[in-house]
N, C-alpha and C. Protein backbone atom coordinates (compact mmCIF):
# COMPACT_ATOMS: atom_id res chain seq x y z
N MET A 1 228.24 58.54 166.05
CA MET A 1 228.55 59.72 165.27
C MET A 1 228.87 59.35 163.82
N LYS A 2 229.53 58.21 163.62
CA LYS A 2 229.85 57.78 162.27
C LYS A 2 228.58 57.49 161.47
N THR A 3 227.59 56.97 162.16
CA THR A 3 226.32 56.64 161.49
C THR A 3 225.64 57.91 160.98
N ILE A 4 225.68 58.97 161.76
CA ILE A 4 225.06 60.23 161.37
C ILE A 4 225.77 60.81 160.14
N LYS A 5 227.09 60.77 160.14
CA LYS A 5 227.84 61.27 159.00
C LYS A 5 227.56 60.44 157.74
N LEU A 6 227.47 59.14 157.92
CA LEU A 6 227.19 58.26 156.80
C LEU A 6 225.80 58.53 156.22
N LEU A 7 224.81 58.66 157.09
CA LEU A 7 223.45 58.95 156.64
C LEU A 7 223.36 60.32 155.96
N THR A 8 224.07 61.29 156.48
CA THR A 8 224.08 62.62 155.88
C THR A 8 224.69 62.58 154.48
N ALA A 9 225.81 61.89 154.35
CA ALA A 9 226.46 61.77 153.04
C ALA A 9 225.57 61.03 152.05
N LEU A 10 224.90 60.00 152.51
CA LEU A 10 224.01 59.24 151.66
C LEU A 10 222.82 60.09 151.20
N ALA A 11 222.27 60.86 152.11
CA ALA A 11 221.14 61.74 151.77
C ALA A 11 221.57 62.79 150.74
N CYS A 12 222.76 63.34 150.89
CA CYS A 12 223.25 64.33 149.92
C CYS A 12 223.46 63.70 148.56
N ALA A 13 224.00 62.50 148.53
CA ALA A 13 224.23 61.81 147.26
C ALA A 13 222.91 61.53 146.55
N ILE A 14 221.91 61.12 147.29
CA ILE A 14 220.59 60.86 146.70
C ILE A 14 219.98 62.15 146.18
N ALA A 15 220.13 63.23 146.92
CA ALA A 15 219.56 64.52 146.51
C ALA A 15 220.20 65.00 145.21
N PHE A 16 221.52 64.91 145.10
CA PHE A 16 222.21 65.34 143.88
C PHE A 16 221.84 64.47 142.69
N THR A 17 221.66 63.19 142.92
CA THR A 17 221.30 62.28 141.85
C THR A 17 219.89 62.59 141.34
N SER A 18 218.96 62.83 142.23
CA SER A 18 217.59 63.10 141.80
C SER A 18 217.48 64.43 141.09
N VAL A 19 218.26 65.42 141.47
CA VAL A 19 218.23 66.72 140.81
C VAL A 19 218.74 66.59 139.38
N SER A 20 219.80 65.85 139.17
CA SER A 20 220.35 65.71 137.82
C SER A 20 219.40 64.91 136.94
N ALA A 21 218.67 63.96 137.49
CA ALA A 21 217.72 63.18 136.70
C ALA A 21 216.52 64.04 136.29
N GLN A 22 216.13 64.98 137.12
CA GLN A 22 215.00 65.84 136.80
C GLN A 22 215.37 66.90 135.76
N ALA A 23 216.65 67.15 135.58
CA ALA A 23 217.08 68.18 134.66
C ALA A 23 216.87 67.79 133.21
N GLU A 24 216.70 66.52 132.92
CA GLU A 24 216.49 66.06 131.56
C GLU A 24 215.05 66.34 131.12
N SER A 25 214.92 66.86 129.93
CA SER A 25 213.58 67.08 129.38
C SER A 25 213.13 65.83 128.65
N CYS A 26 211.88 65.83 128.24
CA CYS A 26 211.34 64.69 127.49
C CYS A 26 212.08 64.52 126.17
N CYS A 27 212.49 65.61 125.58
CA CYS A 27 213.22 65.56 124.31
C CYS A 27 214.61 64.94 124.51
N ASP A 28 215.27 65.29 125.61
CA ASP A 28 216.58 64.71 125.91
C ASP A 28 216.49 63.21 126.13
N LYS A 29 215.47 62.79 126.84
CA LYS A 29 215.28 61.37 127.11
C LYS A 29 215.01 60.61 125.81
N ALA A 30 214.21 61.18 124.92
CA ALA A 30 213.90 60.53 123.65
C ALA A 30 215.15 60.46 122.77
N LYS A 31 215.95 61.53 122.79
CA LYS A 31 217.16 61.55 121.98
C LYS A 31 218.14 60.47 122.45
N LYS A 32 218.24 60.27 123.77
CA LYS A 32 219.12 59.23 124.30
C LYS A 32 218.66 57.84 123.87
N ALA A 33 217.36 57.67 123.70
CA ALA A 33 216.80 56.38 123.27
C ALA A 33 216.76 56.28 121.74
N SER A 34 217.38 57.22 121.05
CA SER A 34 217.42 57.26 119.58
C SER A 34 216.02 57.31 118.97
N LYS A 35 215.16 58.10 119.60
CA LYS A 35 213.79 58.28 119.12
C LYS A 35 213.48 59.75 119.05
N GLU A 36 212.31 60.06 118.50
CA GLU A 36 211.82 61.44 118.51
C GLU A 36 210.82 61.58 119.64
N CYS A 37 210.75 62.78 120.20
CA CYS A 37 209.81 63.04 121.29
C CYS A 37 208.38 62.88 120.78
N GLU A 38 207.54 62.26 121.59
CA GLU A 38 206.17 61.97 121.17
C GLU A 38 205.16 63.06 121.54
N HIS A 39 205.59 64.08 122.28
CA HIS A 39 204.67 65.16 122.65
C HIS A 39 204.33 65.99 121.42
N LYS A 40 203.06 66.31 121.27
CA LYS A 40 202.61 67.09 120.11
C LYS A 40 203.23 68.47 120.11
N CYS A 41 203.39 69.07 121.28
CA CYS A 41 203.96 70.42 121.35
C CYS A 41 205.43 70.41 120.91
N CYS A 42 206.14 69.36 121.24
CA CYS A 42 207.55 69.24 120.84
C CYS A 42 207.67 68.97 119.35
N GLN A 43 206.77 68.16 118.80
CA GLN A 43 206.80 67.86 117.37
C GLN A 43 206.49 69.11 116.55
N ALA A 44 205.54 69.91 117.02
CA ALA A 44 205.19 71.15 116.31
C ALA A 44 206.37 72.13 116.35
N ALA A 45 207.04 72.21 117.47
CA ALA A 45 208.20 73.11 117.58
C ALA A 45 209.34 72.62 116.70
N ALA A 46 209.53 71.31 116.61
CA ALA A 46 210.60 70.75 115.79
C ALA A 46 210.36 71.06 114.31
N LYS A 47 209.10 71.06 113.88
CA LYS A 47 208.79 71.39 112.49
C LYS A 47 209.19 72.83 112.17
N GLU A 48 209.11 73.70 113.17
CA GLU A 48 209.49 75.10 113.00
C GLU A 48 210.97 75.32 113.32
N LYS A 49 211.70 74.21 113.53
CA LYS A 49 213.13 74.24 113.88
C LYS A 49 213.36 75.04 115.16
N LYS A 50 212.47 74.82 116.13
CA LYS A 50 212.58 75.46 117.44
C LYS A 50 212.52 74.39 118.51
N VAL A 51 212.58 74.82 119.75
CA VAL A 51 212.47 73.92 120.90
C VAL A 51 211.22 74.30 121.66
N CYS A 52 210.48 73.32 122.11
CA CYS A 52 209.26 73.56 122.86
C CYS A 52 209.58 74.26 124.18
N GLU A 53 209.02 75.43 124.38
CA GLU A 53 209.26 76.20 125.60
C GLU A 53 208.57 75.58 126.81
N LYS A 54 207.47 74.87 126.57
CA LYS A 54 206.73 74.25 127.67
C LYS A 54 207.53 73.11 128.31
N CYS A 55 208.10 72.27 127.47
CA CYS A 55 208.84 71.10 127.98
C CYS A 55 210.31 71.40 128.24
N ASN A 56 210.83 72.46 127.63
CA ASN A 56 212.23 72.85 127.79
C ASN A 56 212.32 74.31 128.24
N PRO A 57 211.92 74.60 129.46
CA PRO A 57 211.94 76.00 129.90
C PRO A 57 213.37 76.53 129.94
N LYS A 58 213.48 77.82 129.73
CA LYS A 58 214.81 78.44 129.76
C LYS A 58 215.35 78.40 131.19
N LYS A 59 216.63 78.15 131.28
CA LYS A 59 217.29 78.10 132.58
C LYS A 59 217.85 79.47 132.90
N ASP A 60 218.23 79.69 134.14
CA ASP A 60 218.75 80.99 134.57
C ASP A 60 220.01 81.37 133.79
N GLY A 61 220.81 80.40 133.41
CA GLY A 61 222.05 80.67 132.71
C GLY A 61 221.88 80.96 131.23
N ASP A 62 220.71 80.68 130.67
CA ASP A 62 220.46 80.92 129.26
C ASP A 62 220.32 82.41 128.99
N LYS A 63 221.01 82.89 127.97
CA LYS A 63 220.95 84.32 127.66
C LYS A 63 219.97 84.63 126.56
N LYS A 64 219.55 83.63 125.78
CA LYS A 64 218.62 83.88 124.69
C LYS A 64 217.21 83.89 125.16
């Protein structure tokens, strides 16, 4: 029984970790590396002082 609980806890930890890693956009990853995003769509949006909607889709909590 302890093995089942341990495996369940491990599976949940892995699931939460993978979800948080997927939440980062390409722009966030580039910013962490102190670089600019290399996607053409993101560069074009940055010139217009906007955020690329394709790579940074609005989340449910966003009101704008």
